[in-house]
Amino acid sequence: MKNMIRTLLVLAAGVCLAGVMGFAQSSGKAVYQAHCQMCHGASGIPNPGMAKMMGIPAANSAAMKKLTPAQMFASVKNGKGKMMAFKSQLTDAQIRATVAYFRTLTK
């Protein structure tokens, strides 16, 4: 009985650890959907009211296309204009993955 309980505890710990690791290494798309999509839109095109109120350009706009990945990274990490900083919510790897995903929306 003790071996069965021990085995179940080890299995439960492994499942929890896998879930945490999966979240920590989540894809740019998943992070974008969770943290960015509400303002920037599912396809990188914000709704007109949000765009006007917050000053959000579309992903395919000339202004967004001229930004480098480093500039986008800094904007997400530190905030820019009315956009909040995500340095306490996302890791650098998550921000880089999200920027890479967002740049696919600019095409």
PDB file of N, CA and C in Angstrom:
ATOM      1  N   MET A   1       0.817  -1.195   0.000  1.00  0.00           N
ATOM      2  CA  MET A   1       0.000   0.000   0.000  1.00  0.00           C
ATOM      3  C   MET A   1       0.863   1.263   0.000  1.00  0.00           C
ATOM      4  N   LYS A   2       1.942   1.253   0.800  1.00  0.00           N
ATOM      5  CA  LYS A   2       2.836   2.404   0.849  1.00  0.00           C
ATOM      6  C   LYS A   2       3.494   2.647  -0.516  1.00  0.00           C
ATOM      7  N   ASN A   3       3.870   1.569  -1.190  1.00  0.00           N
ATOM      8  CA  ASN A   3       4.488   1.716  -2.514  1.00  0.00           C
ATOM      9  C   ASN A   3       3.509   2.329  -3.513  1.00  0.00           C
ATOM     10  N   MET A   4       2.247   1.946  -3.429  1.00  0.00           N
ATOM     11  CA  MET A   4       1.252   2.485  -4.350  1.00  0.00           C
ATOM     12  C   MET A   4       1.035   3.979  -4.096  1.00  0.00           C
ATOM     13  N   ILE A   5       0.960   4.378  -2.845  1.00  0.00           N
ATOM     14  CA  ILE A   5       0.790   5.793  -2.502  1.00  0.00           C
ATOM     15  C   ILE A   5       2.015   6.583  -2.957  1.00  0.00           C
ATOM     16  N   ARG A   6       3.198   6.045  -2.701  1.00  0.00           N
ATOM     17  CA  ARG A   6       4.436   6.700  -3.102  1.00  0.00           C
ATOM     18  C   ARG A   6       4.469   6.856  -4.628  1.00  0.00           C
ATOM     19  N   THR A   7       4.072   5.819  -5.352  1.00  0.00           N
ATOM     20  CA  THR A   7       4.057   5.866  -6.808  1.00  0.00           C
ATOM     21  C   THR A   7       3.078   6.923  -7.308  1.00  0.00           C
ATOM     22  N   LEU A   8       1.913   6.990  -6.700  1.00  0.00           N
ATOM     23  CA  LEU A   8       0.922   7.989  -7.099  1.00  0.00           C
ATOM     24  C   LEU A   8       1.401   9.412  -6.808  1.00  0.00           C
ATOM     25  N   LEU A   9       2.074   9.601  -5.685  1.00  0.00           N
ATOM     26  CA  LEU A   9       2.619  10.920  -5.362  1.00  0.00           C
ATOM     27  C   LEU A   9       3.696  11.342  -6.360  1.00  0.00           C
ATOM     28  N   VAL A  10       4.557  10.412  -6.721  1.00  0.00           N
ATOM     29  CA  VAL A  10       5.603  10.707  -7.705  1.00  0.00           C
ATOM     30  C   VAL A  10       4.976  11.028  -9.062  1.00  0.00           C
ATOM     31  N   LEU A  11       3.975  10.271  -9.443  1.00  0.00           N
ATOM     32  CA  LEU A  11       3.278  10.515 -10.702  1.00  0.00           C
ATOM     33  C   LEU A  11       2.600  11.884 -10.694  1.00  0.00           C
ATOM     34  N   ALA A  12       1.932  12.229  -9.599  1.00  0.00           N
ATOM     35  CA  ALA A  12       1.267  13.533  -9.485  1.00  0.00           C
ATOM     36  C   ALA A  12       2.285  14.670  -9.560  1.00  0.00           C
ATOM     37  N   ALA A  13       3.417  14.509  -8.888  1.00  0.00           N
ATOM     38  CA  ALA A  13       4.459  15.532  -8.937  1.00  0.00           C
ATOM     39  C   ALA A  13       5.002  15.688 -10.355  1.00  0.00           C
ATOM     40  N   GLY A  14       5.158  14.581 -11.042  1.00  0.00           N
ATOM     41  CA  GLY A  14       5.636  14.638 -12.423  1.00  0.00           C
ATOM     42  C   GLY A  14       4.668  15.354 -13.340  1.00  0.00           C
ATOM     43  N   VAL A  15       3.380  15.105 -13.177  1.00  0.00           N
ATOM     44  CA  VAL A  15       2.362  15.782 -13.988  1.00  0.00           C
ATOM     45  C   VAL A  15       2.363  17.278 -13.695  1.00  0.00           C
ATOM     46  N   CYS A  16       2.452  17.651 -12.428  1.00  0.00           N
ATOM     47  CA  CYS A  16       2.498  19.072 -12.059  1.00  0.00           C
ATOM     48  C   CYS A  16       3.727  19.752 -12.640  1.00  0.00           C
ATOM     49  N   LEU A  17       4.868  19.114 -12.540  1.00  0.00           N
ATOM     50  CA  LEU A  17       6.100  19.670 -13.070  1.00  0.00           C
ATOM     51  C   LEU A  17       6.016  19.824 -14.582  1.00  0.00           C
ATOM     52  N   ALA A  18       5.453  18.849 -15.265  1.00  0.00           N
ATOM     53  CA  ALA A  18       5.305  18.939 -16.718  1.00  0.00           C
ATOM     54  C   ALA A  18       4.399  20.104 -17.093  1.00  0.00           C
ATOM     55  N   GLY A  19       3.351  20.328 -16.327  1.00  0.00           N
ATOM     56  CA  GLY A  19       2.451  21.452 -16.592  1.00  0.00           C
ATOM     57  C   GLY A  19       3.142  22.782 -16.407  1.00  0.00           C
ATOM     58  N   VAL A  20       3.928  22.903 -15.347  1.00  0.00           N
ATOM     59  CA  VAL A  20       4.668  24.141 -15.102  1.00  0.00           C
ATOM     60  C   VAL A  20       5.696  24.376 -16.200  1.00  0.00           C
ATOM     61  N   MET A  21       6.416  23.355 -16.588  1.00  0.00           N
ATOM     62  CA  MET A  21       7.420  23.499 -17.650  1.00  0.00           C
ATOM     63  C   MET A  21       6.756  23.845 -18.974  1.00  0.00           C
ATOM     64  N   GLY A  22       5.601  23.264 -19.227  1.00  0.00           N
ATOM     65  CA  GLY A  22       4.885  23.571 -20.464  1.00  0.00           C
ATOM     66  C   GLY A  22       4.461  25.021 -20.506  1.00  0.00           C
ATOM     67  N   PHE A  23       4.016  25.565 -19.369  1.00  0.00           N
ATOM     68  CA  PHE A  23       3.624  26.970 -19.329  1.00  0.00           C
ATOM     69  C   PHE A  23       4.839  27.862 -19.478  1.00  0.00           C
ATOM     70  N   ALA A  24       5.930  27.524 -18.815  1.00  0.00           N
ATOM     71  CA  ALA A  24       7.135  28.351 -18.868  1.00  0.00           C
ATOM     72  C   ALA A  24       7.696  28.422 -20.277  1.00  0.00           C
ATOM     73  N   GLN A  25       7.511  27.374 -21.055  1.00  0.00           N
ATOM     74  CA  GLN A  25       8.044  27.348 -22.405  1.00  0.00           C
ATOM     75  C   GLN A  25       6.930  27.468 -23.441  1.00  0.00           C
ATOM     76  N   SER A  26       5.848  28.140 -23.062  1.00  0.00           N
ATOM     77  CA  SER A  26       4.712  28.227 -23.965  1.00  0.00           C
ATOM     78  C   SER A  26       5.089  28.973 -25.238  1.00  0.00           C
ATOM     79  N   SER A  27       4.397  28.638 -26.284  1.00  0.00           N
ATOM     80  CA  SER A  27       4.693  29.219 -27.579  1.00  0.00           C
ATOM     81  C   SER A  27       4.316  30.683 -27.618  1.00  0.00           C
ATOM     82  N   GLY A  28       4.912  31.387 -28.553  1.00  0.00           N
ATOM     83  CA  GLY A  28       4.596  32.793 -28.744  1.00  0.00           C
ATOM     84  C   GLY A  28       3.125  33.007 -29.042  1.00  0.00           C
ATOM     85  N   LYS A  29       2.548  32.097 -29.807  1.00  0.00           N
ATOM     86  CA  LYS A  29       1.127  32.217 -30.140  1.00  0.00           C
ATOM     87  C   LYS A  29       0.269  32.108 -28.891  1.00  0.00           C
ATOM     88  N   ALA A  30       0.573  31.148 -28.026  1.00  0.00           N
ATOM     89  CA  ALA A  30      -0.204  30.963 -26.797  1.00  0.00           C
ATOM     90  C   ALA A  30      -0.079  32.173 -25.880  1.00  0.00           C
ATOM     91  N   VAL A  31       1.123  32.710 -25.752  1.00  0.00           N
ATOM     92  CA  VAL A  31       1.332  33.894 -24.911  1.00  0.00           C
ATOM     93  C   VAL A  31       0.601  35.085 -25.519  1.00  0.00           C
ATOM     94  N   TYR A  32       0.692  35.233 -26.850  1.00  0.00           N
ATOM     95  CA  TYR A  32      -0.013  36.322 -27.536  1.00  0.00           C
ATOM     96  C   TYR A  32      -1.512  36.222 -27.272  1.00  0.00           C
ATOM     97  N   GLN A  33      -2.066  35.028 -27.404  1.00  0.00           N
ATOM     98  CA  GLN A  33      -3.498  34.847 -27.192  1.00  0.00           C
ATOM     99  C   GLN A  33      -3.899  35.167 -25.751  1.00  0.00           C
ATOM    100  N   ALA A  34      -3.047  34.842 -24.812  1.00  0.00           N
ATOM    101  CA  ALA A  34      -3.362  35.055 -23.401  1.00  0.00           C
ATOM    102  C   ALA A  34      -3.173  36.502 -22.950  1.00  0.00           C
ATOM    103  N   HIS A  35      -2.175  37.200 -23.499  1.00  0.00           N
ATOM    104  CA  HIS A  35      -1.814  38.520 -22.976  1.00  0.00           C
ATOM    105  C   HIS A  35      -1.972  39.678 -23.956  1.00  0.00           C
ATOM    106  N   CYS A  36      -1.990  39.427 -25.234  1.00  0.00           N
ATOM    107  CA  CYS A  36      -1.922  40.515 -26.215  1.00  0.00           C
ATOM    108  C   CYS A  36      -3.175  40.650 -27.082  1.00  0.00           C
ATOM    109  N   GLN A  37      -3.787  39.531 -27.353  1.00  0.00           N
ATOM    110  CA  GLN A  37      -4.892  39.479 -28.304  1.00  0.00           C
ATOM    111  C   GLN A  37      -6.048  40.412 -27.930  1.00  0.00           C
ATOM    112  N   MET A  38      -6.302  40.584 -26.646  1.00  0.00           N
ATOM    113  CA  MET A  38      -7.438  41.405 -26.235  1.00  0.00           C
ATOM    114  C   MET A  38      -7.315  42.853 -26.719  1.00  0.00           C
ATOM    115  N   CYS A  39      -6.099  43.350 -26.863  1.00  0.00           N
ATOM    116  CA  CYS A  39      -5.903  44.715 -27.357  1.00  0.00           C
ATOM    117  C   CYS A  39      -5.480  44.731 -28.829  1.00  0.00           C
ATOM    118  N   HIS A  40      -4.596  43.818 -29.203  1.00  0.00           N
ATOM    119  CA  HIS A  40      -4.023  43.839 -30.554  1.00  0.00           C
ATOM    120  C   HIS A  40      -4.816  43.030 -31.577  1.00  0.00           C
ATOM    121  N   GLY A  41      -5.829  42.289 -31.130  1.00  0.00           N
ATOM    122  CA  GLY A  41      -6.655  41.505 -32.045  1.00  0.00           C
ATOM    123  C   GLY A  41      -6.045  40.156 -32.360  1.00  0.00           C
ATOM    124  N   ALA A  42      -6.899  39.205 -32.710  1.00  0.00           N
ATOM    125  CA  ALA A  42      -6.451  37.837 -32.974  1.00  0.00           C
ATOM    126  C   ALA A  42      -5.493  37.762 -34.156  1.00  0.00           C
ATOM    127  N   SER A  43      -5.700  38.615 -35.145  1.00  0.00           N
ATOM    128  CA  SER A  43      -4.843  38.583 -36.337  1.00  0.00           C
ATOM    129  C   SER A  43      -3.906  39.787 -36.403  1.00  0.00           C
ATOM    130  N   GLY A  44      -3.765  40.500 -35.286  1.00  0.00           N
ATOM    131  CA  GLY A  44      -2.889  41.673 -35.268  1.00  0.00           C
ATOM    132  C   GLY A  44      -3.596  42.951 -35.685  1.00  0.00           C
ATOM    133  N   ILE A  45      -4.892  42.868 -35.886  1.00  0.00           N
ATOM    134  CA  ILE A  45      -5.687  44.048 -36.261  1.00  0.00           C
ATOM    135  C   ILE A  45      -6.625  44.345 -35.092  1.00  0.00           C
ATOM    136  N   PRO A  46      -6.347  45.409 -34.331  1.00  0.00           N
ATOM    137  CA  PRO A  46      -7.212  45.718 -33.187  1.00  0.00           C
ATOM    138  C   PRO A  46      -8.577  46.213 -33.656  1.00  0.00           C
ATOM    139  N   ASN A  47      -9.581  46.078 -32.792  1.00  0.00           N
ATOM    140  CA  ASN A  47     -10.878  46.634 -33.191  1.00  0.00           C
ATOM    141  C   ASN A  47     -10.740  48.151 -33.241  1.00  0.00           C
ATOM    142  N   PRO A  48     -11.498  48.822 -34.108  1.00  0.00           N
ATOM    143  CA  PRO A  48     -11.324  50.264 -34.324  1.00  0.00           C
ATOM    144  C   PRO A  48     -11.436  51.111 -33.057  1.00  0.00           C
ATOM    145  N   GLY A  49     -12.364  50.776 -32.169  1.00  0.00           N
ATOM    146  CA  GLY A  49     -12.498  51.545 -30.933  1.00  0.00           C
ATOM    147  C   GLY A  49     -11.267  51.446 -30.053  1.00  0.00           C
ATOM    148  N   MET A  50     -10.732  50.235 -29.907  1.00  0.00           N
ATOM    149  CA  MET A  50      -9.533  50.010 -29.099  1.00  0.00           C
ATOM    150  C   MET A  50      -8.337  50.701 -29.741  1.00  0.00           C
ATOM    151  N   ALA A  51      -8.228  50.593 -31.057  1.00  0.00           N
ATOM    152  CA  ALA A  51      -7.105  51.214 -31.765  1.00  0.00           C
ATOM    153  C   ALA A  51      -7.097  52.723 -31.544  1.00  0.00           C
ATOM    154  N   LYS A  52      -8.262  53.335 -31.629  1.00  0.00           N
ATOM    155  CA  LYS A  52      -8.356  54.788 -31.458  1.00  0.00           C
ATOM    156  C   LYS A  52      -8.087  55.186 -30.008  1.00  0.00           C
ATOM    157  N   MET A  53      -8.709  54.491 -29.073  1.00  0.00           N
ATOM    158  CA  MET A  53      -8.584  54.834 -27.653  1.00  0.00           C
ATOM    159  C   MET A  53      -7.151  54.647 -27.137  1.00  0.00           C
ATOM    160  N   MET A  54      -6.519  53.544 -27.523  1.00  0.00           N
ATOM    161  CA  MET A  54      -5.191  53.217 -26.991  1.00  0.00           C
ATOM    162  C   MET A  54      -4.055  53.580 -27.944  1.00  0.00           C
ATOM    163  N   GLY A  55      -4.380  53.973 -29.166  1.00  0.00           N
ATOM    164  CA  GLY A  55      -3.336  54.309 -30.135  1.00  0.00           C
ATOM    165  C   GLY A  55      -2.584  53.089 -30.620  1.00  0.00           C
ATOM    166  N   ILE A  56      -3.307  52.001 -30.883  1.00  0.00           N
ATOM    167  CA  ILE A  56      -2.682  50.737 -31.284  1.00  0.00           C
ATOM    168  C   ILE A  56      -2.676  50.617 -32.803  1.00  0.00           C
ATOM    169  N   PRO A  57      -1.494  50.586 -33.420  1.00  0.00           N
ATOM    170  CA  PRO A  57      -1.460  50.372 -34.866  1.00  0.00           C
ATOM    171  C   PRO A  57      -1.642  48.890 -35.192  1.00  0.00           C
ATOM    172  N   ALA A  58      -2.118  48.614 -36.375  1.00  0.00           N
ATOM    173  CA  ALA A  58      -2.265  47.229 -36.831  1.00  0.00           C
ATOM    174  C   ALA A  58      -0.892  46.620 -37.062  1.00  0.00           C
ATOM    175  N   ALA A  59      -0.813  45.312 -36.935  1.00  0.00           N
ATOM    176  CA  ALA A  59       0.461  44.612 -37.126  1.00  0.00           C
ATOM    177  C   ALA A  59       1.021  44.832 -38.526  1.00  0.00           C
ATOM    178  N   ASN A  60       0.143  44.985 -39.511  1.00  0.00           N
ATOM    179  CA  ASN A  60       0.610  45.136 -40.889  1.00  0.00           C
ATOM    180  C   ASN A  60       0.801  46.599 -41.299  1.00  0.00           C
ATOM    181  N   SER A  61       0.754  47.521 -40.328  1.00  0.00           N
ATOM    182  CA  SER A  61       0.960  48.941 -40.640  1.00  0.00           C
ATOM    183  C   SER A  61       2.442  49.213 -40.893  1.00  0.00           C
ATOM    184  N   ALA A  62       2.714  50.274 -41.611  1.00  0.00           N
ATOM    185  CA  ALA A  62       4.107  50.651 -41.907  1.00  0.00           C
ATOM    186  C   ALA A  62       4.887  50.910 -40.629  1.00  0.00           C
ATOM    187  N   ALA A  63       4.233  51.538 -39.637  1.00  0.00           N
ATOM    188  CA  ALA A  63       4.913  51.839 -38.368  1.00  0.00           C
ATOM    189  C   ALA A  63       5.369  50.567 -37.663  1.00  0.00           C
ATOM    190  N   MET A  64       4.555  49.532 -37.674  1.00  0.00           N
ATOM    191  CA  MET A  64       4.921  48.281 -37.014  1.00  0.00           C
ATOM    192  C   MET A  64       5.958  47.504 -37.817  1.00  0.00           C
ATOM    193  N   LYS A  65       5.844  47.539 -39.128  1.00  0.00           N
ATOM    194  CA  LYS A  65       6.786  46.798 -39.961  1.00  0.00           C
ATOM    195  C   LYS A  65       8.210  47.334 -39.852  1.00  0.00           C
ATOM    196  N   LYS A  66       8.362  48.625 -39.547  1.00  0.00           N
ATOM    197  CA  LYS A  66       9.717  49.183 -39.477  1.00  0.00           C
ATOM    198  C   LYS A  66      10.400  48.936 -38.132  1.00  0.00           C
ATOM    199  N   LEU A  67       9.641  48.462 -37.140  1.00  0.00           N
ATOM    200  CA  LEU A  67      10.243  48.171 -35.835  1.00  0.00           C
ATOM    201  C   LEU A  67      11.104  46.908 -35.904  1.00  0.00           C
ATOM    202  N   THR A  68      12.234  46.950 -35.226  1.00  0.00           N
ATOM    203  CA  THR A  68      13.101  45.772 -35.150  1.00  0.00           C
ATOM    204  C   THR A  68      12.584  44.856 -34.028  1.00  0.00           C
ATOM    205  N   PRO A  69      12.986  43.584 -34.049  1.00  0.00           N
ATOM    206  CA  PRO A  69      12.602  42.703 -32.937  1.00  0.00           C
ATOM    207  C   PRO A  69      13.060  43.248 -31.578  1.00  0.00           C
ATOM    208  N   ALA A  70      14.233  43.871 -31.535  1.00  0.00           N
ATOM    209  CA  ALA A  70      14.739  44.421 -30.271  1.00  0.00           C
ATOM    210  C   ALA A  70      13.843  45.559 -29.777  1.00  0.00           C
ATOM    211  N   GLN A  71      13.365  46.397 -30.681  1.00  0.00           N
ATOM    212  CA  GLN A  71      12.468  47.484 -30.293  1.00  0.00           C
ATOM    213  C   GLN A  71      11.132  46.936 -29.787  1.00  0.00           C
ATOM    214  N   MET A  72      10.621  45.918 -30.460  1.00  0.00           N
ATOM    215  CA  MET A  72       9.373  45.301 -30.026  1.00  0.00           C
ATOM    216  C   MET A  72       9.551  44.643 -28.658  1.00  0.00           C
ATOM    217  N   PHE A  73      10.670  43.958 -28.476  1.00  0.00           N
ATOM    218  CA  PHE A  73      10.969  43.309 -27.196  1.00  0.00           C
ATOM    219  C   PHE A  73      10.959  44.349 -26.079  1.00  0.00           C
ATOM    220  N   ALA A  74      11.647  45.477 -26.300  1.00  0.00           N
ATOM    221  CA  ALA A  74      11.720  46.533 -25.286  1.00  0.00           C
ATOM    222  C   ALA A  74      10.336  47.099 -24.987  1.00  0.00           C
ATOM    223  N   SER A  75       9.507  47.261 -26.008  1.00  0.00           N
ATOM    224  CA  SER A  75       8.147  47.786 -25.804  1.00  0.00           C
ATOM    225  C   SER A  75       7.301  46.841 -24.965  1.00  0.00           C
ATOM    226  N   VAL A  76       7.415  45.547 -25.235  1.00  0.00           N
ATOM    227  CA  VAL A  76       6.630  44.568 -24.470  1.00  0.00           C
ATOM    228  C   VAL A  76       7.164  44.483 -23.042  1.00  0.00           C
ATOM    229  N   LYS A  77       8.448  44.421 -22.897  1.00  0.00           N
ATOM    230  CA  LYS A  77       9.038  44.257 -21.565  1.00  0.00           C
ATOM    231  C   LYS A  77       8.814  45.484 -20.682  1.00  0.00           C
ATOM    232  N   ASN A  78       9.060  46.673 -21.229  1.00  0.00           N
ATOM    233  CA  ASN A  78       9.034  47.901 -20.433  1.00  0.00           C
ATOM    234  C   ASN A  78       7.775  48.736 -20.603  1.00  0.00           C
ATOM    235  N   GLY A  79       6.925  48.370 -21.560  1.00  0.00           N
ATOM    236  CA  GLY A  79       5.739  49.159 -21.845  1.00  0.00           C
ATOM    237  C   GLY A  79       6.086  50.305 -22.787  1.00  0.00           C
ATOM    238  N   LYS A  80       5.066  50.830 -23.431  1.00  0.00           N
ATOM    239  CA  LYS A  80       5.271  51.960 -24.340  1.00  0.00           C
ATOM    240  C   LYS A  80       3.937  52.669 -24.518  1.00  0.00           C
ATOM    241  N   GLY A  81       3.940  53.982 -24.333  1.00  0.00           N
ATOM    242  CA  GLY A  81       2.699  54.728 -24.439  1.00  0.00           C
ATOM    243  C   GLY A  81       1.695  54.206 -23.412  1.00  0.00           C
ATOM    244  N   LYS A  82       0.525  53.810 -23.877  1.00  0.00           N
ATOM    245  CA  LYS A  82      -0.510  53.306 -22.980  1.00  0.00           C
ATOM    246  C   LYS A  82      -0.396  51.802 -22.729  1.00  0.00           C
ATOM    247  N   MET A  83       0.555  51.155 -23.400  1.00  0.00           N
ATOM    248  CA  MET A  83       0.736  49.715 -23.215  1.00  0.00           C
ATOM    249  C   MET A  83       1.515  49.454 -21.926  1.00  0.00           C
ATOM    250  N   MET A  84       0.987  48.560 -21.110  1.00  0.00           N
ATOM    251  CA  MET A  84       1.644  48.232 -19.849  1.00  0.00           C
ATOM    252  C   MET A  84       2.903  47.396 -20.068  1.00  0.00           C
ATOM    253  N   ALA A  85       3.788  47.411 -19.098  1.00  0.00           N
ATOM    254  CA  ALA A  85       4.995  46.593 -19.129  1.00  0.00           C
ATOM    255  C   ALA A  85       4.650  45.166 -18.710  1.00  0.00           C
ATOM    256  N   PHE A  86       5.291  44.194 -19.357  1.00  0.00           N
ATOM    257  CA  PHE A  86       5.056  42.790 -19.036  1.00  0.00           C
ATOM    258  C   PHE A  86       6.276  42.129 -18.397  1.00  0.00           C
ATOM    259  N   LYS A  87       7.256  42.927 -17.937  1.00  0.00           N
ATOM    260  CA  LYS A  87       8.482  42.349 -17.380  1.00  0.00           C
ATOM    261  C   LYS A  87       8.249  41.517 -16.130  1.00  0.00           C
ATOM    262  N   SER A  88       7.173  41.788 -15.401  1.00  0.00           N
ATOM    263  CA  SER A  88       6.911  40.991 -14.197  1.00  0.00           C
ATOM    264  C   SER A  88       5.965  39.819 -14.473  1.00  0.00           C
ATOM    265  N   GLN A  89       5.390  39.757 -15.675  1.00  0.00           N
ATOM    266  CA  GLN A  89       4.444  38.696 -16.002  1.00  0.00           C
ATOM    267  C   GLN A  89       5.016  37.652 -16.950  1.00  0.00           C
ATOM    268  N   LEU A  90       5.965  38.060 -17.781  1.00  0.00           N
ATOM    269  CA  LEU A  90       6.509  37.157 -18.803  1.00  0.00           C
ATOM    270  C   LEU A  90       8.024  37.081 -18.697  1.00  0.00           C
ATOM    271  N   THR A  91       8.568  35.930 -19.026  1.00  0.00           N
ATOM    272  CA  THR A  91      10.023  35.786 -19.069  1.00  0.00           C
ATOM    273  C   THR A  91      10.539  36.397 -20.373  1.00  0.00           C
ATOM    274  N   ASP A  92      11.836  36.631 -20.433  1.00  0.00           N
ATOM    275  CA  ASP A  92      12.428  37.154 -21.668  1.00  0.00           C
ATOM    276  C   ASP A  92      12.191  36.199 -22.832  1.00  0.00           C
ATOM    277  N   ALA A  93      12.265  34.897 -22.566  1.00  0.00           N
ATOM    278  CA  ALA A  93      12.042  33.900 -23.623  1.00  0.00           C
ATOM    279  C   ALA A  93      10.603  33.968 -24.134  1.00  0.00           C
ATOM    280  N   GLN A  94       9.650  34.154 -23.229  1.00  0.00           N
ATOM    281  CA  GLN A  94       8.251  34.266 -23.643  1.00  0.00           C
ATOM    282  C   GLN A  94       8.029  35.531 -24.463  1.00  0.00           C
ATOM    283  N   ILE A  95       8.661  36.620 -24.063  1.00  0.00           N
ATOM    284  CA  ILE A  95       8.527  37.875 -24.816  1.00  0.00           C
ATOM    285  C   ILE A  95       9.125  37.712 -26.209  1.00  0.00           C
ATOM    286  N   ARG A  96      10.314  37.109 -26.297  1.00  0.00           N
ATOM    287  CA  ARG A  96      10.942  36.895 -27.618  1.00  0.00           C
ATOM    288  C   ARG A  96      10.050  36.030 -28.509  1.00  0.00           C
ATOM    289  N   ALA A  97       9.488  34.967 -27.943  1.00  0.00           N
ATOM    290  CA  ALA A  97       8.616  34.075 -28.725  1.00  0.00           C
ATOM    291  C   ALA A  97       7.361  34.816 -29.179  1.00  0.00           C
ATOM    292  N   THR A  98       6.831  35.660 -28.327  1.00  0.00           N
ATOM    293  CA  THR A  98       5.630  36.422 -28.672  1.00  0.00           C
ATOM    294  C   THR A  98       5.931  37.446 -29.759  1.00  0.00           C
ATOM    295  N   VAL A  99       7.068  38.117 -29.651  1.00  0.00           N
ATOM    296  CA  VAL A  99       7.471  39.074 -30.691  1.00  0.00           C
ATOM    297  C   VAL A  99       7.640  38.346 -32.023  1.00  0.00           C
ATOM    298  N   ALA A 100       8.272  37.183 -31.997  1.00  0.00           N
ATOM    299  CA  ALA A 100       8.451  36.405 -33.233  1.00  0.00           C
ATOM    300  C   ALA A 100       7.102  36.037 -33.833  1.00  0.00           C
ATOM    301  N   TYR A 101       6.164  35.630 -32.998  1.00  0.00           N
ATOM    302  CA  TYR A 101       4.821  35.307 -33.501  1.00  0.00           C
ATOM    303  C   TYR A 101       4.143  36.551 -34.052  1.00  0.00           C
ATOM    304  N   PHE A 102       4.196  37.651 -33.322  1.00  0.00           N
ATOM    305  CA  PHE A 102       3.549  38.894 -33.766  1.00  0.00           C
ATOM    306  C   PHE A 102       4.094  39.330 -35.122  1.00  0.00           C
ATOM    307  N   ARG A 103       5.392  39.150 -35.320  1.00  0.00           N
ATOM    308  CA  ARG A 103       5.995  39.561 -36.601  1.00  0.00           C
ATOM    309  C   ARG A 103       5.464  38.727 -37.758  1.00  0.00           C
ATOM    310  N   THR A 104       4.954  37.516 -37.497  1.00  0.00           N
ATOM    311  CA  THR A 104       4.349  36.739 -38.586  1.00  0.00           C
ATOM    312  C   THR A 104       3.013  37.348 -38.998  1.00  0.00           C
ATOM    313  N   LEU A 105       2.414  38.134 -38.112  1.00  0.00           N
ATOM    314  CA  LEU A 105       1.124  38.768 -38.417  1.00  0.00           C
ATOM    315  C   LEU A 105       1.297  40.005 -39.282  1.00  0.00           C
ATOM    316  N   THR A 106       2.519  40.506 -39.414  1.00  0.00           N
ATOM    317  CA  THR A 106       2.758  41.729 -40.174  1.00  0.00           C
ATOM    318  C   THR A 106       2.747  41.491 -41.674  1.00  0.00           C
ATOM    319  N   LYS A 107       2.709  40.257 -42.089  1.00  0.00           N
ATOM    320  CA  LYS A 107       2.757  39.945 -43.523  1.00  0.00           C
ATOM    321  C   LYS A 107       1.412  40.058 -44.175  1.00  0.00           C
TER     322      LYS A 107
END
